[in-house]
Amino acid sequence: MRTSFKRSSLTSEDGTRATCGPIDALGSGHPDPRIQDEAKRDAMVLVRDIEGHSREEADRRARKIVAIAMQRVALGGDLETPSPLHLPTTR
């Protein structure tokens, strides 16, 4: 059973009109290529956004680690510095 819809138009607040076409391809299993392209673009934008935030977070954490290491070195390195272990030599 195939249902078709009439073309309708909508008016937005700023006075522009948007047209909605038929939606008879909804259940056919073949998505509209324009919708697929738009979804791919949206996904790529989302991935880039997540990567950017991840990069910023990694940079922030790395700077914090380096700052802590520099502070420890500045204190003389006495914190958690292992003493050398002398092993007997075998000849």
N, C-alpha and C. Protein backbone atom coordinates (compact mmCIF):
# COMPACT_ATOMS: atom_id res chain seq x y z
N MET A 1 0.84 -1.17 0.00
CA MET A 1 0.00 0.00 0.00
C MET A 1 0.88 1.23 0.00
N ARG A 2 0.68 2.11 -0.93
CA ARG A 2 1.49 3.30 -1.08
C ARG A 2 0.64 4.52 -0.79
N THR A 3 1.17 5.37 0.08
CA THR A 3 0.46 6.59 0.44
C THR A 3 1.19 7.76 -0.16
N SER A 4 0.48 8.65 -0.79
CA SER A 4 1.12 9.86 -1.31
C SER A 4 0.51 11.05 -0.61
N PHE A 5 1.31 12.09 -0.50
CA PHE A 5 0.89 13.29 0.19
C PHE A 5 0.89 14.45 -0.78
N LYS A 6 0.01 15.38 -0.55
CA LYS A 6 -0.04 16.57 -1.38
C LYS A 6 1.12 17.49 -1.03
N ARG A 7 1.57 18.24 -2.02
CA ARG A 7 2.62 19.22 -1.78
C ARG A 7 2.00 20.38 -0.99
N SER A 8 2.67 20.76 0.08
CA SER A 8 2.17 21.86 0.89
C SER A 8 3.28 22.86 1.10
N SER A 9 2.92 24.04 1.49
CA SER A 9 3.95 25.05 1.76
C SER A 9 3.71 25.63 3.13
N LEU A 10 4.80 26.03 3.75
CA LEU A 10 4.76 26.59 5.09
C LEU A 10 5.37 27.99 5.05
N THR A 11 4.85 28.87 5.86
CA THR A 11 5.41 30.21 5.95
C THR A 11 6.03 30.38 7.33
N SER A 12 7.31 30.79 7.33
CA SER A 12 8.01 30.96 8.60
C SER A 12 7.75 32.36 9.14
N GLU A 13 8.32 32.64 10.31
CA GLU A 13 8.11 33.93 10.97
C GLU A 13 8.62 35.10 10.14
N ASP A 14 9.72 34.86 9.39
CA ASP A 14 10.28 35.96 8.61
C ASP A 14 9.63 36.12 7.24
N GLY A 15 8.60 35.34 6.96
CA GLY A 15 7.85 35.48 5.73
C GLY A 15 8.31 34.61 4.59
N THR A 16 9.39 33.86 4.77
CA THR A 16 9.84 32.97 3.71
C THR A 16 8.97 31.73 3.68
N ARG A 17 8.87 31.16 2.50
CA ARG A 17 8.02 29.99 2.34
C ARG A 17 8.89 28.76 2.06
N ALA A 18 8.59 27.68 2.73
CA ALA A 18 9.29 26.42 2.52
C ALA A 18 8.30 25.43 1.93
N THR A 19 8.74 24.65 0.96
CA THR A 19 7.85 23.70 0.32
C THR A 19 8.22 22.30 0.77
N CYS A 20 7.22 21.52 1.11
CA CYS A 20 7.41 20.13 1.51
C CYS A 20 6.91 19.24 0.38
N GLY A 21 7.78 18.44 -0.16
CA GLY A 21 7.39 17.57 -1.27
C GLY A 21 6.74 16.30 -0.77
N PRO A 22 6.41 15.40 -1.67
CA PRO A 22 5.78 14.13 -1.28
C PRO A 22 6.75 13.26 -0.48
N ILE A 23 6.18 12.48 0.38
CA ILE A 23 6.99 11.62 1.24
C ILE A 23 6.72 10.16 0.90
N ASP A 24 6.43 9.86 -0.35
CA ASP A 24 6.07 8.50 -0.72
C ASP A 24 7.26 7.55 -0.73
N ALA A 25 8.50 8.04 -0.62
CA ALA A 25 9.67 7.16 -0.59
C ALA A 25 10.01 6.73 0.82
N LEU A 26 9.20 7.11 1.79
CA LEU A 26 9.51 6.84 3.19
C LEU A 26 9.69 5.36 3.49
N GLY A 27 8.81 4.52 3.07
CA GLY A 27 8.90 3.11 3.41
C GLY A 27 9.48 2.25 2.32
N SER A 28 10.02 2.85 1.27
CA SER A 28 10.49 2.07 0.12
C SER A 28 11.85 1.43 0.34
N GLY A 29 12.59 1.83 1.36
CA GLY A 29 13.91 1.26 1.60
C GLY A 29 15.00 1.95 0.81
N HIS A 30 14.66 2.95 0.02
CA HIS A 30 15.64 3.69 -0.76
C HIS A 30 15.61 5.14 -0.31
N PRO A 31 16.51 5.51 0.60
CA PRO A 31 16.51 6.89 1.10
C PRO A 31 16.90 7.87 0.01
N ASP A 32 16.42 9.06 0.12
CA ASP A 32 16.72 10.13 -0.81
C ASP A 32 18.22 10.45 -0.74
N PRO A 33 18.92 10.48 -1.87
CA PRO A 33 20.37 10.78 -1.84
C PRO A 33 20.68 12.13 -1.21
N ARG A 34 19.78 13.10 -1.35
CA ARG A 34 20.02 14.41 -0.73
C ARG A 34 20.03 14.29 0.79
N ILE A 35 19.14 13.46 1.31
CA ILE A 35 19.08 13.26 2.76
C ILE A 35 20.33 12.53 3.23
N GLN A 36 20.77 11.54 2.44
CA GLN A 36 22.00 10.82 2.79
C GLN A 36 23.20 11.76 2.80
N ASP A 37 23.30 12.61 1.78
CA ASP A 37 24.42 13.56 1.71
C ASP A 37 24.39 14.52 2.89
N GLU A 38 23.21 15.00 3.24
CA GLU A 38 23.09 15.92 4.37
C GLU A 38 23.47 15.22 5.67
N ALA A 39 23.05 13.96 5.82
CA ALA A 39 23.39 13.21 7.04
C ALA A 39 24.90 12.97 7.12
N LYS A 40 25.53 12.69 5.98
CA LYS A 40 26.98 12.49 5.97
C LYS A 40 27.71 13.77 6.35
N ARG A 41 27.24 14.91 5.79
CA ARG A 41 27.86 16.19 6.13
C ARG A 41 27.70 16.49 7.62
N ASP A 42 26.50 16.25 8.14
CA ASP A 42 26.26 16.48 9.57
C ASP A 42 27.15 15.60 10.42
N ALA A 43 27.32 14.34 10.00
CA ALA A 43 28.17 13.41 10.75
C ALA A 43 29.63 13.86 10.71
N MET A 44 30.09 14.32 9.54
CA MET A 44 31.48 14.79 9.43
C MET A 44 31.71 16.01 10.31
N VAL A 45 30.75 16.92 10.35
CA VAL A 45 30.87 18.10 11.20
C VAL A 45 30.94 17.68 12.66
N LEU A 46 30.09 16.74 13.04
CA LEU A 46 30.08 16.25 14.42
C LEU A 46 31.41 15.58 14.77
N VAL A 47 31.94 14.76 13.87
CA VAL A 47 33.22 14.08 14.11
C VAL A 47 34.34 15.11 14.27
N ARG A 48 34.36 16.11 13.38
CA ARG A 48 35.40 17.15 13.49
C ARG A 48 35.29 17.91 14.80
N ASP A 49 34.07 18.17 15.21
CA ASP A 49 33.85 18.88 16.47
C ASP A 49 34.35 18.05 17.65
N ILE A 50 34.03 16.76 17.66
CA ILE A 50 34.47 15.87 18.74
C ILE A 50 35.99 15.75 18.73
N GLU A 51 36.59 15.62 17.53
CA GLU A 51 38.04 15.53 17.44
C GLU A 51 38.70 16.81 17.97
N GLY A 52 38.13 17.94 17.63
CA GLY A 52 38.69 19.21 18.10
C GLY A 52 38.64 19.32 19.62
N HIS A 53 37.50 18.95 20.20
CA HIS A 53 37.38 18.99 21.66
C HIS A 53 38.34 17.98 22.30
N SER A 54 38.48 16.82 21.69
CA SER A 54 39.41 15.80 22.22
C SER A 54 40.83 16.30 22.17
N ARG A 55 41.20 16.95 21.06
CA ARG A 55 42.55 17.49 20.91
C ARG A 55 42.82 18.56 21.97
N GLU A 56 41.84 19.43 22.19
CA GLU A 56 42.00 20.47 23.20
C GLU A 56 42.14 19.87 24.60
N GLU A 57 41.34 18.87 24.90
CA GLU A 57 41.40 18.21 26.21
C GLU A 57 42.75 17.51 26.40
N ALA A 58 43.22 16.82 25.35
CA ALA A 58 44.51 16.14 25.44
C ALA A 58 45.64 17.15 25.63
N ASP A 59 45.57 18.28 24.93
CA ASP A 59 46.58 19.31 25.08
C ASP A 59 46.58 19.88 26.50
N ARG A 60 45.39 20.12 27.03
CA ARG A 60 45.27 20.65 28.39
C ARG A 60 45.86 19.67 29.40
N ARG A 61 45.54 18.38 29.25
CA ARG A 61 46.08 17.38 30.17
C ARG A 61 47.59 17.24 30.04
N ALA A 62 48.09 17.28 28.81
CA ALA A 62 49.55 17.16 28.60
C ALA A 62 50.28 18.34 29.24
N ARG A 63 49.72 19.55 29.08
CA ARG A 63 50.35 20.72 29.70
C ARG A 63 50.37 20.59 31.22
N LYS A 64 49.30 20.05 31.78
CA LYS A 64 49.23 19.86 33.23
C LYS A 64 50.29 18.86 33.70
N ILE A 65 50.45 17.77 32.95
CA ILE A 65 51.45 16.76 33.31
C ILE A 65 52.86 17.34 33.23
N VAL A 66 53.13 18.09 32.16
CA VAL A 66 54.46 18.70 32.01
C VAL A 66 54.71 19.71 33.13
N ALA A 67 53.70 20.49 33.50
CA ALA A 67 53.86 21.47 34.58
C ALA A 67 54.17 20.78 35.89
N ILE A 68 53.49 19.69 36.18
CA ILE A 68 53.74 18.93 37.42
C ILE A 68 55.16 18.37 37.40
N ALA A 69 55.59 17.84 36.25
CA ALA A 69 56.94 17.29 36.15
C ALA A 69 57.98 18.37 36.35
N MET A 70 57.75 19.55 35.77
CA MET A 70 58.70 20.66 35.94
C MET A 70 58.76 21.10 37.40
N GLN A 71 57.63 21.12 38.09
CA GLN A 71 57.62 21.49 39.50
C GLN A 71 58.40 20.49 40.33
N ARG A 72 58.25 19.22 40.02
CA ARG A 72 58.98 18.19 40.77
C ARG A 72 60.47 18.30 40.55
N VAL A 73 60.88 18.59 39.31
CA VAL A 73 62.30 18.76 39.01
C VAL A 73 62.83 19.99 39.73
N ALA A 74 62.03 21.05 39.77
CA ALA A 74 62.45 22.29 40.43
C ALA A 74 62.63 22.10 41.94
N LEU A 75 61.89 21.18 42.51
CA LEU A 75 62.02 20.92 43.94
C LEU A 75 63.24 20.08 44.27
N GLY A 76 63.99 19.70 43.31
CA GLY A 76 65.20 18.95 43.55
C GLY A 76 65.07 17.47 43.21
N GLY A 77 63.93 17.07 42.78
CA GLY A 77 63.75 15.69 42.38
C GLY A 77 63.74 14.72 43.53
N ASP A 78 63.58 15.20 44.77
CA ASP A 78 63.59 14.32 45.92
C ASP A 78 62.28 13.56 46.09
N LEU A 79 61.26 13.97 45.41
CA LEU A 79 59.97 13.30 45.54
C LEU A 79 59.97 12.03 44.70
N GLU A 80 59.76 10.95 45.34
CA GLU A 80 59.63 9.65 44.68
C GLU A 80 60.82 9.30 43.80
N THR A 81 62.01 9.79 44.14
CA THR A 81 63.20 9.43 43.37
C THR A 81 63.74 8.14 43.94
N PRO A 82 63.79 7.10 43.13
CA PRO A 82 64.30 5.83 43.65
C PRO A 82 65.81 5.90 43.87
N SER A 83 66.25 5.26 44.92
CA SER A 83 67.69 5.20 45.15
C SER A 83 68.27 4.12 44.25
N PRO A 84 69.52 4.27 43.86
CA PRO A 84 70.11 3.26 42.96
C PRO A 84 70.25 1.93 43.68
N LEU A 85 70.06 0.89 42.94
CA LEU A 85 70.16 -0.47 43.47
C LEU A 85 71.50 -1.04 43.00
N HIS A 86 72.37 -1.40 43.94
CA HIS A 86 73.68 -1.94 43.61
C HIS A 86 73.59 -3.46 43.59
N LEU A 87 73.85 -4.01 42.44
CA LEU A 87 73.81 -5.46 42.28
C LEU A 87 75.24 -6.00 42.28
N PRO A 88 75.43 -7.15 42.85
CA PRO A 88 76.78 -7.73 42.80
C PRO A 88 77.13 -8.11 41.35
N THR A 89 78.39 -7.91 41.01
CA THR A 89 78.81 -8.24 39.65
C THR A 89 79.25 -9.68 39.59
N THR A 90 78.94 -10.32 38.52
CA THR A 90 79.39 -11.70 38.31
C THR A 90 80.42 -11.70 37.21
N ARG A 91 81.52 -12.41 37.47
CA ARG A 91 82.60 -12.46 36.48
C ARG A 91 82.81 -13.80 35.95
